[in-house]
Amino acid sequence: MSNKTMLVTLALGIAFAGPALADKMKATLDGKSQVPPSTSAATGTADIDYDPASKKLSWKLSYSGLSGPATAAHFHGPAEAGKNAGVAVAVPNATSSPVEGSATLTDAQAADLVAGRYYINIHTAANPGGEIRGQVTK
């Protein structure tokens, strides 16, 4: 192999060995996705990044039209759409929109997230079980 060929091979190897990109996910929240459904006209969206190498989950959650102030927000799982599950990851400071945050997942949490078995729920005083919900999808 010539020096020039080795240099080109090395350069290509470096170019393609960049850092792993985070998986982009999202959730669209509404009352009809609640289980059981709520009559809320509120809506929300979440832009979610997940880095499989570090297991870091990051989010930006926005919502509007709730029946009152948000009392809490969480990622719940494992559960498919139409099923309920316990809190998996808290979303701190969710009393105002937008809210951003991050958490490091366990191996089991990461597997459930990637498999589509997480949802985001926003709770209010009028709807303590959740006013709006959205399944996390790729």
C-alpha atoms as a PDB file:
ATOM      1  CA  MET A   1       0.000   0.000   0.000  1.00  0.00           C
ATOM      2  CA  SER A   2       1.462   3.383  -0.953  1.00  0.00           C
ATOM      3  CA  ASN A   3       1.754   6.238   1.519  1.00  0.00           C
ATOM      4  CA  LYS A   4      -0.873   8.168  -0.426  1.00  0.00           C
ATOM      5  CA  THR A   5      -3.334   5.230  -0.252  1.00  0.00           C
ATOM      6  CA  MET A   6      -2.713   4.855   3.491  1.00  0.00           C
ATOM      7  CA  LEU A   7      -3.311   8.573   4.010  1.00  0.00           C
ATOM      8  CA  VAL A   8      -6.606   8.488   2.095  1.00  0.00           C
ATOM      9  CA  THR A   9      -7.703   5.358   4.020  1.00  0.00           C
ATOM     10  CA  LEU A  10      -6.772   7.000   7.326  1.00  0.00           C
ATOM     11  CA  ALA A  11      -8.585  10.235   6.418  1.00  0.00           C
ATOM     12  CA  LEU A  12     -11.746   8.331   5.451  1.00  0.00           C
ATOM     13  CA  GLY A  13     -11.589   6.312   8.662  1.00  0.00           C
ATOM     14  CA  ILE A  14     -11.373   9.491  10.728  1.00  0.00           C
ATOM     15  CA  ALA A  15     -14.174  11.166   8.776  1.00  0.00           C
ATOM     16  CA  PHE A  16     -16.581   8.289   9.419  1.00  0.00           C
ATOM     17  CA  ALA A  17     -15.549   7.642  13.035  1.00  0.00           C
ATOM     18  CA  GLY A  18     -17.224  10.763  14.427  1.00  0.00           C
ATOM     19  CA  PRO A  19     -19.327  10.749  17.571  1.00  0.00           C
ATOM     20  CA  ALA A  20     -22.537   8.726  17.597  1.00  0.00           C
ATOM     21  CA  LEU A  21     -25.623  10.815  16.968  1.00  0.00           C
ATOM     22  CA  ALA A  22     -28.480  10.922  19.440  1.00  0.00           C
ATOM     23  CA  ASP A  23     -31.732   9.224  18.499  1.00  0.00           C
ATOM     24  CA  LYS A  24     -34.412  11.842  17.806  1.00  0.00           C
ATOM     25  CA  MET A  25     -37.809  11.093  19.324  1.00  0.00           C
ATOM     26  CA  LYS A  26     -41.002  13.020  19.923  1.00  0.00           C
ATOM     27  CA  ALA A  27     -44.336  12.955  21.687  1.00  0.00           C
ATOM     28  CA  THR A  28     -47.569  14.757  20.837  1.00  0.00           C
ATOM     29  CA  LEU A  29     -49.737  15.185  23.925  1.00  0.00           C
ATOM     30  CA  ASP A  30     -53.519  15.557  24.117  1.00  0.00           C
ATOM     31  CA  GLY A  31     -56.468  14.591  26.290  1.00  0.00           C
ATOM     32  CA  LYS A  32     -57.770  11.804  24.065  1.00  0.00           C
ATOM     33  CA  SER A  33     -54.505   9.891  24.567  1.00  0.00           C
ATOM     34  CA  GLN A  34     -55.107   9.734  28.327  1.00  0.00           C
ATOM     35  CA  VAL A  35     -56.281   6.397  29.752  1.00  0.00           C
ATOM     36  CA  PRO A  36     -59.156   6.911  30.335  1.00  0.00           C
ATOM     37  CA  PRO A  37     -59.409   9.877  27.922  1.00  0.00           C
ATOM     38  CA  SER A  38     -59.843  13.379  29.343  1.00  0.00           C
ATOM     39  CA  THR A  39     -61.989  16.078  27.748  1.00  0.00           C
ATOM     40  CA  SER A  40     -59.140  18.588  27.944  1.00  0.00           C
ATOM     41  CA  ALA A  41     -58.503  20.760  24.908  1.00  0.00           C
ATOM     42  CA  ALA A  42     -54.885  21.214  26.035  1.00  0.00           C
ATOM     43  CA  THR A  43     -52.037  20.140  23.777  1.00  0.00           C
ATOM     44  CA  GLY A  44     -48.329  19.621  24.086  1.00  0.00           C
ATOM     45  CA  THR A  45     -45.228  18.498  22.272  1.00  0.00           C
ATOM     46  CA  ALA A  46     -41.928  17.043  23.379  1.00  0.00           C
ATOM     47  CA  ASP A  47     -38.713  16.988  21.389  1.00  0.00           C
ATOM     48  CA  ILE A  48     -36.565  14.207  22.800  1.00  0.00           C
ATOM     49  CA  ASP A  49     -32.955  13.183  22.240  1.00  0.00           C
ATOM     50  CA  TYR A  50     -31.557   9.889  23.457  1.00  0.00           C
ATOM     51  CA  ASP A  51     -27.846   9.053  23.346  1.00  0.00           C
ATOM     52  CA  PRO A  52     -27.499   5.247  23.438  1.00  0.00           C
ATOM     53  CA  ALA A  53     -23.777   5.412  24.308  1.00  0.00           C
ATOM     54  CA  SER A  54     -24.287   7.405  27.535  1.00  0.00           C
ATOM     55  CA  LYS A  55     -27.977   6.468  28.045  1.00  0.00           C
ATOM     56  CA  LYS A  56     -28.713  10.197  28.422  1.00  0.00           C
ATOM     57  CA  LEU A  57     -32.308  11.231  27.779  1.00  0.00           C
ATOM     58  CA  SER A  58     -32.863  14.951  27.078  1.00  0.00           C
ATOM     59  CA  TRP A  59     -36.147  16.725  26.418  1.00  0.00           C
ATOM     60  CA  LYS A  60     -37.866  20.012  25.669  1.00  0.00           C
ATOM     61  CA  LEU A  61     -41.534  19.832  26.626  1.00  0.00           C
ATOM     62  CA  SER A  62     -44.038  22.548  25.676  1.00  0.00           C
ATOM     63  CA  TYR A  63     -47.747  22.665  26.463  1.00  0.00           C
ATOM     64  CA  SER A  64     -50.701  25.044  26.542  1.00  0.00           C
ATOM     65  CA  GLY A  65     -54.398  25.154  27.412  1.00  0.00           C
ATOM     66  CA  LEU A  66     -54.325  23.083  30.614  1.00  0.00           C
ATOM     67  CA  SER A  67     -57.284  23.360  33.002  1.00  0.00           C
ATOM     68  CA  GLY A  68     -54.907  24.889  35.550  1.00  0.00           C
ATOM     69  CA  PRO A  69     -51.218  24.932  36.406  1.00  0.00           C
ATOM     70  CA  ALA A  70     -49.319  21.724  35.793  1.00  0.00           C
ATOM     71  CA  THR A  71     -48.697  19.984  39.115  1.00  0.00           C
ATOM     72  CA  ALA A  72     -46.266  17.407  37.717  1.00  0.00           C
ATOM     73  CA  ALA A  73     -44.993  15.791  34.536  1.00  0.00           C
ATOM     74  CA  HIS A  74     -43.331  12.433  34.038  1.00  0.00           C
ATOM     75  CA  PHE A  75     -42.154   9.843  31.585  1.00  0.00           C
ATOM     76  CA  HIS A  76     -44.181   6.717  32.397  1.00  0.00           C
ATOM     77  CA  GLY A  77     -43.456   3.159  31.377  1.00  0.00           C
ATOM     78  CA  PRO A  78     -43.236   0.497  30.320  1.00  0.00           C
ATOM     79  CA  ALA A  79     -46.580   0.751  28.539  1.00  0.00           C
ATOM     80  CA  GLU A  80     -47.872   0.797  25.002  1.00  0.00           C
ATOM     81  CA  ALA A  81     -50.438   3.377  23.887  1.00  0.00           C
ATOM     82  CA  GLY A  82     -53.746   2.677  25.626  1.00  0.00           C
ATOM     83  CA  LYS A  83     -52.094   1.188  28.750  1.00  0.00           C
ATOM     84  CA  ASN A  84     -51.001   2.846  31.980  1.00  0.00           C
ATOM     85  CA  ALA A  85     -47.722   2.443  33.865  1.00  0.00           C
ATOM     86  CA  GLY A  86     -45.908   3.963  36.803  1.00  0.00           C
ATOM     87  CA  VAL A  87     -43.495   6.878  36.778  1.00  0.00           C
ATOM     88  CA  ALA A  88     -40.167   6.007  35.169  1.00  0.00           C
ATOM     89  CA  VAL A  89     -38.500   9.447  34.979  1.00  0.00           C
ATOM     90  CA  ALA A  90     -39.670  12.675  36.623  1.00  0.00           C
ATOM     91  CA  VAL A  91     -39.728  15.910  34.624  1.00  0.00           C
ATOM     92  CA  PRO A  92     -38.681  18.526  37.200  1.00  0.00           C
ATOM     93  CA  ASN A  93     -39.874  22.145  37.040  1.00  0.00           C
ATOM     94  CA  ALA A  94     -42.795  21.297  34.742  1.00  0.00           C
ATOM     95  CA  THR A  95     -45.081  23.927  36.308  1.00  0.00           C
ATOM     96  CA  SER A  96     -44.339  26.317  33.430  1.00  0.00           C
ATOM     97  CA  SER A  97     -43.899  25.740  29.717  1.00  0.00           C
ATOM     98  CA  PRO A  98     -41.497  25.141  28.074  1.00  0.00           C
ATOM     99  CA  VAL A  99     -39.431  22.887  30.313  1.00  0.00           C
ATOM    100  CA  GLU A 100     -36.098  21.308  29.435  1.00  0.00           C
ATOM    101  CA  GLY A 101     -34.186  18.612  31.251  1.00  0.00           C
ATOM    102  CA  SER A 102     -32.257  15.400  31.103  1.00  0.00           C
ATOM    103  CA  ALA A 103     -31.728  12.141  32.953  1.00  0.00           C
ATOM    104  CA  THR A 104     -29.514   9.095  32.664  1.00  0.00           C
ATOM    105  CA  LEU A 105     -31.488   5.891  32.124  1.00  0.00           C
ATOM    106  CA  THR A 106     -30.846   2.408  33.442  1.00  0.00           C
ATOM    107  CA  ASP A 107     -30.382  -0.418  30.928  1.00  0.00           C
ATOM    108  CA  ALA A 108     -34.005  -1.540  31.459  1.00  0.00           C
ATOM    109  CA  GLN A 109     -35.359   2.014  31.055  1.00  0.00           C
ATOM    110  CA  ALA A 110     -33.303   2.500  27.895  1.00  0.00           C
ATOM    111  CA  ALA A 111     -34.659  -0.729  26.406  1.00  0.00           C
ATOM    112  CA  ASP A 112     -38.264   0.322  27.131  1.00  0.00           C
ATOM    113  CA  LEU A 113     -37.724   3.815  25.688  1.00  0.00           C
ATOM    114  CA  VAL A 114     -36.201   2.513  22.447  1.00  0.00           C
ATOM    115  CA  ALA A 115     -38.986  -0.095  22.145  1.00  0.00           C
ATOM    116  CA  GLY A 116     -41.659   2.661  22.253  1.00  0.00           C
ATOM    117  CA  ARG A 117     -42.946   1.775  25.725  1.00  0.00           C
ATOM    118  CA  TYR A 118     -42.692   5.250  27.296  1.00  0.00           C
ATOM    119  CA  TYR A 119     -45.208   8.057  27.367  1.00  0.00           C
ATOM    120  CA  ILE A 120     -45.222  11.571  28.809  1.00  0.00           C
ATOM    121  CA  ASN A 121     -48.041  12.634  31.097  1.00  0.00           C
ATOM    122  CA  ILE A 122     -48.810  16.135  32.415  1.00  0.00           C
ATOM    123  CA  HIS A 123     -50.863  16.246  35.611  1.00  0.00           C
ATOM    124  CA  THR A 124     -53.065  19.058  36.972  1.00  0.00           C
ATOM    125  CA  ALA A 125     -55.144  19.518  40.129  1.00  0.00           C
ATOM    126  CA  ALA A 126     -58.343  18.888  38.118  1.00  0.00           C
ATOM    127  CA  ASN A 127     -56.773  15.808  36.480  1.00  0.00           C
ATOM    128  CA  PRO A 128     -54.410  14.245  39.056  1.00  0.00           C
ATOM    129  CA  GLY A 129     -54.085  11.053  36.990  1.00  0.00           C
ATOM    130  CA  GLY A 130     -53.013  13.127  33.987  1.00  0.00           C
ATOM    131  CA  GLU A 131     -54.652  15.751  31.787  1.00  0.00           C
ATOM    132  CA  ILE A 132     -52.689  15.204  28.572  1.00  0.00           C
ATOM    133  CA  ARG A 133     -50.499  12.359  27.403  1.00  0.00           C
ATOM    134  CA  GLY A 134     -48.357  11.411  24.429  1.00  0.00           C
ATOM    135  CA  GLN A 135     -46.512   8.236  23.459  1.00  0.00           C
ATOM    136  CA  VAL A 136     -42.786   8.656  22.790  1.00  0.00           C
ATOM    137  CA  THR A 137     -42.007   7.632  19.207  1.00  0.00           C
ATOM    138  CA  LYS A 138     -39.036   7.810  16.833  1.00  0.00           C
END
